[in-house]
Amino acid sequence: MAGPRLTTPSQKGPTAVSARPARVPATLPLTPAQLRIVRRIADGESTATIATQLSITIGTINVQVQHCGQKLGVTGRAAVVHACFVTGQLPRPEKAVLPGVLSKAEAETWRMVASGMTSLEVAEQAGISRGDALGRIRALRERVRADNDPHLVKLGWSHEVLDESLTEMASGTVLRAPVPR
């Protein structure tokens, strides 16, 4: 017997069923040092490049990114970047025009990556093989010239494919956007 079908918040139709229980919203502030790392990750820089630029070890980068995920209640670098945009901890990137028309599958893939889904979860959600899911993600990155998944998330915000409406993360955490004052 198959388990519940995971859905993203943007899907219309029957009530969405999540395989994970929703967690309390998490928006603990990141430290300035953590934000310096996340900003560079969002720009598509490699861990080795960031470590060299900041004169710290690759291990320190990895630990700090893990701590960022714990504070935000998400897993994966792409989800950390998205959560920082949603919670206002990273400034929104400049808007850019997306060349051509984005297909529904591309938009959904973009949202799944930003939510922190693994390639296997993307495959299950889309009803395709893991290899096809990886191919979709790779093709999307190539189309918009993203260096990696976190950079893809930043570009998604820039092209207005992603925004603060995507708050339910694959980890089960529900992000809380800052309240305008």
N, C-alpha and C. Protein backbone atom coordinates (compact mmCIF):
# COMPACT_ATOMS: atom_id res chain seq x y z
N MET A 1 0.84 -1.18 0.00
CA MET A 1 0.00 0.00 0.00
C MET A 1 0.89 1.24 0.00
N ALA A 2 0.58 2.19 -0.87
CA ALA A 2 1.38 3.41 -0.98
C ALA A 2 1.07 4.37 0.15
N GLY A 3 2.07 5.14 0.55
CA GLY A 3 1.90 6.15 1.61
C GLY A 3 1.22 7.38 1.05
N PRO A 4 1.01 8.38 1.89
CA PRO A 4 0.35 9.60 1.43
C PRO A 4 1.19 10.31 0.38
N ARG A 5 0.52 10.91 -0.58
CA ARG A 5 1.22 11.65 -1.63
C ARG A 5 1.58 13.02 -1.07
N LEU A 6 2.87 13.35 -1.15
CA LEU A 6 3.34 14.65 -0.69
C LEU A 6 2.89 15.71 -1.69
N THR A 7 2.50 16.85 -1.20
CA THR A 7 2.12 17.93 -2.09
C THR A 7 2.81 19.20 -1.64
N THR A 8 3.01 20.08 -2.59
CA THR A 8 3.56 21.39 -2.26
C THR A 8 2.41 22.34 -2.04
N PRO A 9 2.60 23.40 -1.27
CA PRO A 9 1.52 24.33 -0.97
C PRO A 9 0.89 24.96 -2.21
N SER A 10 1.61 25.00 -3.34
CA SER A 10 1.08 25.65 -4.52
C SER A 10 0.10 24.76 -5.29
N GLN A 11 0.03 23.47 -4.95
CA GLN A 11 -0.86 22.59 -5.68
C GLN A 11 -2.30 22.83 -5.27
N LYS A 12 -3.18 22.83 -6.27
CA LYS A 12 -4.60 23.01 -6.04
C LYS A 12 -5.25 21.63 -5.97
N GLY A 13 -6.46 21.57 -5.50
CA GLY A 13 -7.17 20.31 -5.49
C GLY A 13 -7.41 19.84 -4.08
N PRO A 14 -7.43 18.49 -3.87
CA PRO A 14 -7.71 17.95 -2.55
C PRO A 14 -6.73 18.49 -1.51
N THR A 15 -7.13 18.44 -0.29
CA THR A 15 -6.29 18.92 0.81
C THR A 15 -4.94 18.23 0.77
N ALA A 16 -3.89 19.02 0.93
CA ALA A 16 -2.53 18.49 0.91
C ALA A 16 -2.30 17.60 2.13
N VAL A 17 -1.64 16.46 1.90
CA VAL A 17 -1.30 15.55 2.98
C VAL A 17 0.21 15.47 3.04
N SER A 18 0.75 15.70 4.20
CA SER A 18 2.19 15.64 4.37
C SER A 18 2.54 14.36 5.11
N ALA A 19 3.65 13.75 4.72
CA ALA A 19 4.10 12.54 5.39
C ALA A 19 4.75 12.86 6.72
N ARG A 20 5.06 14.12 6.95
CA ARG A 20 5.71 14.54 8.18
C ARG A 20 4.78 15.48 8.95
N PRO A 21 4.78 15.37 10.28
CA PRO A 21 3.96 16.33 11.05
C PRO A 21 4.55 17.73 10.96
N ALA A 22 3.69 18.73 10.91
CA ALA A 22 4.17 20.12 10.85
C ALA A 22 4.83 20.49 12.17
N ARG A 23 5.92 21.23 12.09
CA ARG A 23 6.63 21.69 13.27
C ARG A 23 6.22 23.13 13.56
N VAL A 24 6.52 23.53 14.76
CA VAL A 24 6.29 24.92 15.16
C VAL A 24 7.17 25.81 14.28
N PRO A 25 6.66 26.98 13.87
CA PRO A 25 7.49 27.87 13.04
C PRO A 25 8.84 28.15 13.71
N ALA A 26 9.87 28.15 12.90
CA ALA A 26 11.22 28.38 13.41
C ALA A 26 11.82 29.59 12.71
N THR A 27 12.21 30.56 13.46
CA THR A 27 12.86 31.73 12.89
C THR A 27 13.89 32.28 13.86
N LEU A 28 14.76 31.46 14.32
CA LEU A 28 15.82 31.96 15.18
C LEU A 28 16.81 32.73 14.33
N PRO A 29 17.25 33.88 14.80
CA PRO A 29 18.17 34.68 14.00
C PRO A 29 19.54 34.01 13.86
N LEU A 30 20.09 34.14 12.66
CA LEU A 30 21.44 33.64 12.43
C LEU A 30 22.44 34.71 12.86
N THR A 31 23.64 34.28 13.20
CA THR A 31 24.69 35.21 13.58
C THR A 31 25.21 35.93 12.34
N PRO A 32 25.87 37.07 12.51
CA PRO A 32 26.46 37.74 11.35
C PRO A 32 27.43 36.82 10.58
N ALA A 33 28.20 36.01 11.30
CA ALA A 33 29.13 35.09 10.64
C ALA A 33 28.37 34.05 9.81
N GLN A 34 27.29 33.53 10.36
CA GLN A 34 26.49 32.55 9.62
C GLN A 34 25.87 33.19 8.38
N LEU A 35 25.40 34.42 8.51
CA LEU A 35 24.81 35.11 7.36
C LEU A 35 25.84 35.40 6.28
N ARG A 36 27.09 35.68 6.66
CA ARG A 36 28.14 35.87 5.66
C ARG A 36 28.33 34.59 4.84
N ILE A 37 28.28 33.46 5.52
CA ILE A 37 28.42 32.17 4.84
C ILE A 37 27.22 31.91 3.94
N VAL A 38 26.02 32.09 4.47
CA VAL A 38 24.80 31.80 3.70
C VAL A 38 24.70 32.72 2.48
N ARG A 39 25.09 33.98 2.62
CA ARG A 39 25.07 34.92 1.50
C ARG A 39 25.94 34.40 0.35
N ARG A 40 27.11 33.88 0.70
CA ARG A 40 28.01 33.36 -0.34
C ARG A 40 27.49 32.06 -0.94
N ILE A 41 26.87 31.24 -0.11
CA ILE A 41 26.26 30.01 -0.61
C ILE A 41 25.16 30.37 -1.61
N ALA A 42 24.34 31.36 -1.28
CA ALA A 42 23.26 31.80 -2.17
C ALA A 42 23.81 32.33 -3.50
N ASP A 43 25.00 32.86 -3.47
CA ASP A 43 25.64 33.36 -4.70
C ASP A 43 26.23 32.24 -5.54
N GLY A 44 26.15 31.01 -5.05
CA GLY A 44 26.63 29.86 -5.83
C GLY A 44 28.07 29.50 -5.58
N GLU A 45 28.70 30.12 -4.60
CA GLU A 45 30.11 29.84 -4.33
C GLU A 45 30.27 28.46 -3.69
N SER A 46 31.37 27.79 -3.99
CA SER A 46 31.66 26.48 -3.42
C SER A 46 32.12 26.63 -1.97
N THR A 47 32.02 25.54 -1.24
CA THR A 47 32.46 25.54 0.14
C THR A 47 33.94 25.89 0.24
N ALA A 48 34.75 25.33 -0.65
CA ALA A 48 36.20 25.60 -0.63
C ALA A 48 36.48 27.08 -0.89
N THR A 49 35.77 27.68 -1.83
CA THR A 49 35.96 29.10 -2.14
C THR A 49 35.58 29.97 -0.94
N ILE A 50 34.44 29.64 -0.33
CA ILE A 50 33.99 30.41 0.84
C ILE A 50 35.00 30.30 1.97
N ALA A 51 35.49 29.08 2.21
CA ALA A 51 36.46 28.87 3.28
C ALA A 51 37.73 29.70 3.04
N THR A 52 38.18 29.72 1.81
CA THR A 52 39.38 30.50 1.47
C THR A 52 39.12 32.00 1.67
N GLN A 53 37.99 32.48 1.16
CA GLN A 53 37.67 33.91 1.26
C GLN A 53 37.53 34.37 2.71
N LEU A 54 36.96 33.51 3.56
CA LEU A 54 36.73 33.89 4.95
C LEU A 54 37.84 33.43 5.89
N SER A 55 38.85 32.78 5.35
CA SER A 55 39.98 32.26 6.13
C SER A 55 39.53 31.35 7.27
N ILE A 56 38.64 30.43 6.94
CA ILE A 56 38.18 29.41 7.88
C ILE A 56 38.21 28.06 7.17
N THR A 57 38.04 26.99 7.92
CA THR A 57 38.13 25.66 7.32
C THR A 57 36.80 25.26 6.67
N ILE A 58 36.90 24.30 5.77
CA ILE A 58 35.71 23.72 5.14
C ILE A 58 34.81 23.10 6.22
N GLY A 59 35.43 22.47 7.20
CA GLY A 59 34.66 21.88 8.30
C GLY A 59 33.85 22.91 9.06
N THR A 60 34.44 24.07 9.28
CA THR A 60 33.73 25.16 9.97
C THR A 60 32.53 25.61 9.14
N ILE A 61 32.73 25.73 7.84
CA ILE A 61 31.61 26.10 6.95
C ILE A 61 30.48 25.09 7.11
N ASN A 62 30.81 23.82 7.00
CA ASN A 62 29.80 22.76 7.07
C ASN A 62 29.06 22.76 8.41
N VAL A 63 29.79 22.94 9.49
CA VAL A 63 29.17 22.98 10.82
C VAL A 63 28.24 24.19 10.93
N GLN A 64 28.71 25.34 10.45
CA GLN A 64 27.89 26.55 10.54
C GLN A 64 26.61 26.42 9.70
N VAL A 65 26.71 25.82 8.53
CA VAL A 65 25.52 25.62 7.69
C VAL A 65 24.55 24.66 8.39
N GLN A 66 25.08 23.64 9.02
CA GLN A 66 24.23 22.71 9.78
C GLN A 66 23.54 23.45 10.92
N HIS A 67 24.25 24.31 11.62
CA HIS A 67 23.65 25.10 12.70
C HIS A 67 22.57 26.04 12.16
N CYS A 68 22.81 26.61 10.98
CA CYS A 68 21.80 27.46 10.34
C CYS A 68 20.52 26.66 10.10
N GLY A 69 20.68 25.47 9.57
CA GLY A 69 19.53 24.61 9.32
C GLY A 69 18.77 24.28 10.60
N GLN A 70 19.52 24.01 11.67
CA GLN A 70 18.88 23.72 12.95
C GLN A 70 18.11 24.93 13.47
N LYS A 71 18.69 26.11 13.36
CA LYS A 71 18.01 27.32 13.83
C LYS A 71 16.75 27.61 13.02
N LEU A 72 16.80 27.30 11.74
CA LEU A 72 15.66 27.58 10.86
C LEU A 72 14.69 26.41 10.74
N GLY A 73 15.10 25.24 11.23
CA GLY A 73 14.24 24.07 11.17
C GLY A 73 14.18 23.43 9.80
N VAL A 74 15.25 23.56 9.02
CA VAL A 74 15.28 23.02 7.66
C VAL A 74 16.53 22.18 7.46
N THR A 75 16.54 21.40 6.39
CA THR A 75 17.73 20.63 6.05
C THR A 75 18.13 20.94 4.62
N GLY A 76 19.42 21.03 4.40
CA GLY A 76 19.94 21.29 3.07
C GLY A 76 20.21 22.76 2.84
N ARG A 77 21.25 23.01 2.06
CA ARG A 77 21.68 24.38 1.80
C ARG A 77 20.64 25.19 1.03
N ALA A 78 19.97 24.56 0.07
CA ALA A 78 18.94 25.27 -0.70
C ALA A 78 17.82 25.74 0.23
N ALA A 79 17.40 24.88 1.15
CA ALA A 79 16.33 25.24 2.09
C ALA A 79 16.79 26.33 3.06
N VAL A 80 18.05 26.29 3.46
CA VAL A 80 18.59 27.34 4.34
C VAL A 80 18.52 28.69 3.62
N VAL A 81 18.92 28.73 2.36
CA VAL A 81 18.88 29.98 1.60
C VAL A 81 17.43 30.47 1.48
N HIS A 82 16.52 29.58 1.12
CA HIS A 82 15.11 29.98 0.98
C HIS A 82 14.57 30.49 2.32
N ALA A 83 14.86 29.78 3.39
CA ALA A 83 14.38 30.19 4.71
C ALA A 83 14.91 31.56 5.10
N CYS A 84 16.15 31.86 4.74
CA CYS A 84 16.72 33.18 5.04
C CYS A 84 16.02 34.28 4.26
N PHE A 85 15.61 34.01 3.03
CA PHE A 85 14.85 35.00 2.27
C PHE A 85 13.45 35.18 2.87
N VAL A 86 12.78 34.06 3.19
CA VAL A 86 11.43 34.14 3.74
C VAL A 86 11.42 34.90 5.06
N THR A 87 12.39 34.62 5.92
CA THR A 87 12.41 35.23 7.25
C THR A 87 13.05 36.62 7.26
N GLY A 88 13.48 37.08 6.10
CA GLY A 88 14.05 38.42 6.00
C GLY A 88 15.47 38.54 6.51
N GLN A 89 16.15 37.40 6.71
CA GLN A 89 17.52 37.46 7.20
C GLN A 89 18.53 37.72 6.08
N LEU A 90 18.12 37.45 4.85
CA LEU A 90 18.91 37.83 3.68
C LEU A 90 18.08 38.84 2.89
N PRO A 91 18.71 39.89 2.36
CA PRO A 91 17.95 40.83 1.53
C PRO A 91 17.51 40.16 0.24
N ARG A 92 16.34 40.54 -0.23
CA ARG A 92 15.82 39.97 -1.48
C ARG A 92 16.74 40.34 -2.63
N PRO A 93 16.99 39.39 -3.54
CA PRO A 93 17.84 39.72 -4.69
C PRO A 93 17.10 40.66 -5.65
N GLU A 94 17.88 41.34 -6.48
CA GLU A 94 17.28 42.21 -7.50
C GLU A 94 16.44 41.37 -8.45
N LYS A 95 15.33 41.95 -8.87
CA LYS A 95 14.44 41.24 -9.80
C LYS A 95 15.09 41.16 -11.17
N ALA A 96 14.81 40.04 -11.84
CA ALA A 96 15.34 39.82 -13.18
C ALA A 96 14.25 39.16 -14.01
N VAL A 97 14.33 39.33 -15.31
CA VAL A 97 13.35 38.74 -16.22
C VAL A 97 13.81 37.33 -16.58
N LEU A 98 12.90 36.39 -16.46
CA LEU A 98 13.19 35.01 -16.83
C LEU A 98 13.02 34.87 -18.33
N PRO A 99 14.05 34.41 -19.02
CA PRO A 99 13.89 34.24 -20.47
C PRO A 99 12.94 33.08 -20.78
N GLY A 100 12.00 33.33 -21.66
CA GLY A 100 11.06 32.29 -22.06
C GLY A 100 9.98 32.07 -21.03
N VAL A 101 9.19 31.05 -21.29
CA VAL A 101 8.06 30.71 -20.42
C VAL A 101 8.45 29.52 -19.56
N LEU A 102 8.12 29.61 -18.30
CA LEU A 102 8.43 28.55 -17.35
C LEU A 102 7.29 27.53 -17.37
N SER A 103 7.63 26.26 -17.53
CA SER A 103 6.58 25.23 -17.53
C SER A 103 6.13 24.97 -16.09
N LYS A 104 4.97 24.35 -15.96
CA LYS A 104 4.45 24.01 -14.64
C LYS A 104 5.42 23.06 -13.93
N ALA A 105 5.98 22.09 -14.65
CA ALA A 105 6.92 21.14 -14.06
C ALA A 105 8.19 21.85 -13.57
N GLU A 106 8.66 22.85 -14.33
CA GLU A 106 9.85 23.60 -13.92
C GLU A 106 9.56 24.40 -12.65
N ALA A 107 8.42 25.06 -12.61
CA ALA A 107 8.05 25.85 -11.43
C ALA A 107 7.92 24.96 -10.20
N GLU A 108 7.28 23.82 -10.35
CA GLU A 108 7.12 22.90 -9.22
C GLU A 108 8.47 22.34 -8.78
N THR A 109 9.33 22.02 -9.72
CA THR A 109 10.67 21.52 -9.39
C THR A 109 11.43 22.58 -8.60
N TRP A 110 11.34 23.82 -9.04
CA TRP A 110 12.01 24.94 -8.37
C TRP A 110 11.53 25.03 -6.92
N ARG A 111 10.22 24.95 -6.71
CA ARG A 111 9.64 25.06 -5.37
C ARG A 111 10.05 23.86 -4.50
N MET A 112 10.12 22.68 -5.09
CA MET A 112 10.51 21.50 -4.32
C MET A 112 11.96 21.60 -3.87
N VAL A 113 12.83 22.09 -4.75
CA VAL A 113 14.24 22.28 -4.37
C VAL A 113 14.33 23.29 -3.23
N ALA A 114 13.60 24.40 -3.35
CA ALA A 114 13.64 25.44 -2.31
C ALA A 114 13.10 24.95 -0.98
N SER A 115 12.15 24.03 -1.01
CA SER A 115 11.57 23.52 0.23
C SER A 115 12.50 22.55 0.95
N GLY A 116 13.56 22.14 0.27
CA GLY A 116 14.52 21.23 0.90
C GLY A 116 14.30 19.77 0.57
N MET A 117 13.48 19.48 -0.43
CA MET A 117 13.26 18.08 -0.80
C MET A 117 14.53 17.49 -1.39
N THR A 118 14.76 16.23 -1.09
CA THR A 118 15.86 15.49 -1.71
C THR A 118 15.43 15.10 -3.12
N SER A 119 16.38 14.66 -3.93
CA SER A 119 16.03 14.24 -5.30
C SER A 119 15.05 13.07 -5.27
N LEU A 120 15.16 12.20 -4.28
CA LEU A 120 14.22 11.09 -4.16
C LEU A 120 12.81 11.60 -3.84
N GLU A 121 12.73 12.60 -2.96
CA GLU A 121 11.43 13.18 -2.63
C GLU A 121 10.83 13.91 -3.83
N VAL A 122 11.68 14.59 -4.60
CA VAL A 122 11.21 15.26 -5.82
C VAL A 122 10.65 14.21 -6.77
N ALA A 123 11.36 13.10 -6.92
CA ALA A 123 10.91 12.03 -7.80
C ALA A 123 9.56 11.47 -7.35
N GLU A 124 9.43 11.20 -6.06
CA GLU A 124 8.17 10.67 -5.55
C GLU A 124 7.03 11.66 -5.75
N GLN A 125 7.29 12.92 -5.46
CA GLN A 125 6.28 13.97 -5.60
C GLN A 125 5.83 14.10 -7.05
N ALA A 126 6.79 14.07 -7.97
CA ALA A 126 6.49 14.27 -9.39
C ALA A 126 6.06 12.98 -10.08
N GLY A 127 6.20 11.85 -9.40
CA GLY A 127 5.83 10.57 -10.00
C GLY A 127 6.77 10.15 -11.11
N ILE A 128 8.06 10.43 -10.92
CA ILE A 128 9.09 10.09 -11.90
C ILE A 128 10.23 9.35 -11.20
N SER A 129 11.17 8.86 -11.98
CA SER A 129 12.32 8.18 -11.39
C SER A 129 13.27 9.20 -10.77
N ARG A 130 14.13 8.73 -9.88
CA ARG A 130 15.12 9.62 -9.26
C ARG A 130 16.04 10.20 -10.33
N GLY A 131 16.42 9.38 -11.31
CA GLY A 131 17.27 9.86 -12.40
C GLY A 131 16.60 10.98 -13.19
N ASP A 132 15.30 10.82 -13.45
CA ASP A 132 14.57 11.87 -14.16
C ASP A 132 14.45 13.14 -13.30
N ALA A 133 14.28 12.96 -11.99
CA ALA A 133 14.22 14.12 -11.09
C ALA A 133 15.54 14.87 -11.11
N LEU A 134 16.64 14.12 -11.02
CA LEU A 134 17.96 14.76 -11.09
C LEU A 134 18.14 15.48 -12.42
N GLY A 135 17.66 14.87 -13.50
CA GLY A 135 17.74 15.49 -14.83
C GLY A 135 16.94 16.78 -14.90
N ARG A 136 15.74 16.79 -14.30
CA ARG A 136 14.92 18.01 -14.29
C ARG A 136 15.62 19.14 -13.53
N ILE A 137 16.19 18.79 -12.37
CA ILE A 137 16.87 19.80 -11.56
C ILE A 137 18.09 20.33 -12.31
N ARG A 138 18.85 19.43 -12.91
CA ARG A 138 20.04 19.83 -13.67
C ARG A 138 19.65 20.71 -14.86
N ALA A 139 18.59 20.34 -15.59
CA ALA A 139 18.14 21.13 -16.74
C ALA A 139 17.69 22.52 -16.30
N LEU A 140 17.01 22.61 -15.16
CA LEU A 140 16.56 23.90 -14.65
C LEU A 140 17.77 24.77 -14.27
N ARG A 141 18.75 24.16 -13.60
CA ARG A 141 19.96 24.91 -13.24
C ARG A 141 20.67 25.42 -14.50
N GLU A 142 20.76 24.57 -15.53
CA GLU A 142 21.42 24.97 -16.78
C GLU A 142 20.64 26.10 -17.46
N ARG A 143 19.32 26.00 -17.45
CA ARG A 143 18.49 27.01 -18.12
C ARG A 143 18.71 28.41 -17.54
N VAL A 144 18.83 28.49 -16.23
CA VAL A 144 18.97 29.80 -15.58
C VAL A 144 20.41 30.10 -15.16
N ARG A 145 21.32 29.22 -15.54
CA ARG A 145 22.75 29.37 -15.25
C ARG A 145 23.05 29.42 -13.76
N ALA A 146 22.40 28.53 -13.02
CA ALA A 146 22.66 28.41 -11.58
C ALA A 146 23.84 27.48 -11.37
N ASP A 147 24.72 27.86 -10.46
CA ASP A 147 25.90 27.06 -10.18
C ASP A 147 25.58 25.81 -9.36
N ASN A 148 24.53 25.89 -8.54
CA ASN A 148 24.15 24.78 -7.67
C ASN A 148 22.72 25.05 -7.16
N ASP A 149 22.20 24.16 -6.33
CA ASP A 149 20.81 24.31 -5.86
C ASP A 149 20.58 25.58 -5.02
N PRO A 150 21.47 25.93 -4.08
CA PRO A 150 21.23 27.18 -3.34
C PRO A 150 21.21 28.41 -4.27
N HIS A 151 22.07 28.41 -5.27
CA HIS A 151 22.08 29.51 -6.23
C HIS A 151 20.78 29.49 -7.05
N LEU A 152 20.28 28.30 -7.37
CA LEU A 152 19.00 28.17 -8.06
C LEU A 152 17.88 28.81 -7.24
N VAL A 153 17.92 28.62 -5.93
CA VAL A 153 16.92 29.22 -5.05
C VAL A 153 17.01 30.75 -5.11
N LYS A 154 18.21 31.29 -5.03
CA LYS A 154 18.36 32.75 -5.11
C LYS A 154 17.81 33.26 -6.44
N LEU A 155 18.12 32.57 -7.53
CA LEU A 155 17.63 32.98 -8.84
C LEU A 155 16.10 32.84 -8.92
N GLY A 156 15.55 31.86 -8.22
CA GLY A 156 14.10 31.71 -8.16
C GLY A 156 13.44 32.92 -7.52
N TRP A 157 14.07 33.46 -6.49
CA TRP A 157 13.57 34.69 -5.87
C TRP A 157 13.74 35.87 -6.83
N SER A 158 14.87 35.92 -7.52
CA SER A 158 15.14 37.00 -8.46
C SER A 158 14.13 37.01 -9.60
N HIS A 159 13.76 35.82 -10.08
CA HIS A 159 12.80 35.70 -11.19
C HIS A 159 11.35 35.64 -10.71
N GLU A 160 11.16 35.80 -9.41
CA GLU A 160 9.84 35.81 -8.79
C GLU A 160 9.06 34.50 -8.98
N VAL A 161 9.81 33.41 -9.10
CA VAL A 161 9.21 32.08 -9.10
C VAL A 161 9.00 31.66 -7.64
N LEU A 162 9.90 32.09 -6.78
CA LEU A 162 9.82 31.81 -5.35
C LEU A 162 9.51 33.09 -4.60
N ASP A 163 8.78 32.94 -3.51
CA ASP A 163 8.48 34.08 -2.64
C ASP A 163 8.09 33.55 -1.26
N GLU A 164 7.62 34.46 -0.41
CA GLU A 164 7.30 34.06 0.97
C GLU A 164 6.05 33.19 1.08
N SER A 165 5.38 32.89 -0.03
CA SER A 165 4.22 32.00 0.04
C SER A 165 4.64 30.55 0.27
N LEU A 166 5.89 30.21 -0.06
CA LEU A 166 6.39 28.85 0.17
C LEU A 166 6.97 28.81 1.58
N THR A 167 6.13 28.42 2.54
CA THR A 167 6.56 28.40 3.93
C THR A 167 6.61 27.00 4.52
N GLU A 168 5.93 26.05 3.91
CA GLU A 168 5.96 24.68 4.43
C GLU A 168 7.15 23.96 3.80
N MET A 169 8.11 23.65 4.65
CA MET A 169 9.35 23.05 4.17
C MET A 169 9.26 21.53 4.21
N ALA A 170 10.11 20.86 3.44
CA ALA A 170 10.11 19.40 3.40
C ALA A 170 10.40 18.80 4.77
N SER A 171 11.09 19.55 5.63
CA SER A 171 11.41 19.07 6.98
C SER A 171 10.19 19.05 7.88
N GLY A 172 9.09 19.68 7.44
CA GLY A 172 7.89 19.79 8.27
C GLY A 172 7.78 21.12 8.96
N THR A 173 8.85 21.90 8.93
CA THR A 173 8.83 23.23 9.55
C THR A 173 7.99 24.18 8.71
N VAL A 174 7.26 25.03 9.38
CA VAL A 174 6.52 26.10 8.71
C VAL A 174 7.24 27.40 9.03
N LEU A 175 7.76 28.05 8.00
CA LEU A 175 8.50 29.29 8.19
C LEU A 175 7.53 30.44 8.46
N ARG A 176 7.98 31.40 9.20
CA ARG A 176 7.18 32.58 9.49
C ARG A 176 7.88 33.80 8.92
N ALA A 177 7.22 34.45 7.98
CA ALA A 177 7.77 35.68 7.40
C ALA A 177 7.66 36.80 8.42
N PRO A 178 8.58 37.75 8.39
CA PRO A 178 8.50 38.87 9.33
C PRO A 178 7.23 39.68 9.09
N VAL A 179 6.68 40.19 10.16
CA VAL A 179 5.46 41.01 10.06
C VAL A 179 5.87 42.44 9.78
N PRO A 180 5.33 43.05 8.70
CA PRO A 180 5.68 44.45 8.42
C PRO A 180 5.21 45.35 9.55
N ARG A 181 6.03 46.34 9.90
CA ARG A 181 5.67 47.27 10.99
C ARG A 181 5.35 48.62 10.46
